Amino acid sequence: MLLQKLHALNFRSYSSLTTELDEKFNVFVGLNGQGKTNALDIVYYLCLGKSYFSSGDRHVVKNGESEIRLEGVFKKRNRESHVNISVVPGTYKTVTIDQKKLSKLSEHIGRYPCVMIAPADILLLIEGSAERRKLMDQCISQFDGQYLKDLIDYNRFLKQRNALLKAYKETRFIDDRVLDSFTQKMAPLAKRIYDVRHKFIDEIQDLFKANYNKISGNAEDCSIVYTSSISENPFFQICQANKEKDLVLGRTSEGIHKDDLVFKIGESRLKPYASQGQLKSFIVALKLSEYQILKKVHQFPPILILDDLFDKLDRDRISHLLELLNSDDFGQVFISDTEPERIPGILETLSSDFSVYEIKENSAVKYA
């Protein structure tokens, strides 16, 4: 799958950005603050209908403007598709594919699979569990529409159940039948979500280890452990056992919304004081494993985006990674970097096809 052309209006720092793209490597270079990351976020937004870096669209619209317009020409299985996205934050978001308007955003997710890796991803390795669940959900939702639907339904019922529990703290009254009805609706959803996540982590494990060894040069052993409160007891049983606790807290204390991933090097948890090289190698290996699963399911290579990933990586690790991405196992790749010669220099030694775009004051000039 390829993104052949893109056009953006009023997206973050860009009043307008239009460019044609290389089939293999697209390297965006420039100083920090010039708009490299914003250009890559346009690619991600076209693929998934949302920003990688902002939870809401209000932060994506250029200051002083009210509407975003994005256009992309994709080629998938030798067929071109034109994607148009129009957004007025708080009012509407429309996604149109070949002039056919989608009825909801979830219909777009998975059509143009994409994996992005950014420096902030390192935080998901060592901070709260919410980002690690998001890591699983973002990938699985791109190949399993039922999973995405189950996740949306579960979160809707969770919100309603929590509202009921919160109301009890204020009124000291709870209708057990209503509370149990939400729990019963959530139980089968929780079981299906758990099963899919468990299978996903089992499948990604060997891929992850192999990728980490390639990037790090077999420096360390590593692993991922999936933890969930419903691994041993059904969701409904857990909620019944925690009822008094939930009433005191005013929220549902356990369930798949509390699942987590434990990352290890050797037998020890990955620590915040691990080296930058280790942390970046870990997250890259993890995301590349997601990429490989998406490729296997869709039967074509997704788009891969690497944003400002090479700072504090030694040249050997960079070369190992680019050599891996230059293989036939990977398709179109987007890269941003502050050093204009670093990535092109390595790609030239690999005899790879690539284009370089200099980003300066939120404009892009293609010069290679």
Foldseek 3Di string as FASTA:
>chain_A
DDWAKKWKDQWALANIAIDGFDWAEEEEAAAPPLCQQSVVQLVVCQQQVDGPPDPFCVNTGYPPDFKMWMWIWDADPNDIKIWIWMDGTPPDIWIAINNRIDPDSLVRAQPFDEFEDEPVLLCCQADAFQVVVVVLCSLVSNQDVVLVVLVVVLVVLQVVLLQQLLVCVVVVDHDVVVNLVSQVVNQVSLVVNVVVSVVVQVQLFVQLQVQLCLLVVPPFGKGKDKDFPPPPPTSSVVCVVCVVVCSVVSGRPGTPSRIGMFIDTPPDTDHPPDALQNSLSNVVSSRVSSQLVSCVSVVHGHEYEYEQSCVRHDLSSVLSVVLVSQDPSHIYYYYYHHDQCNVVVSVVVVVGDYWYWYRGNRYTDIDD
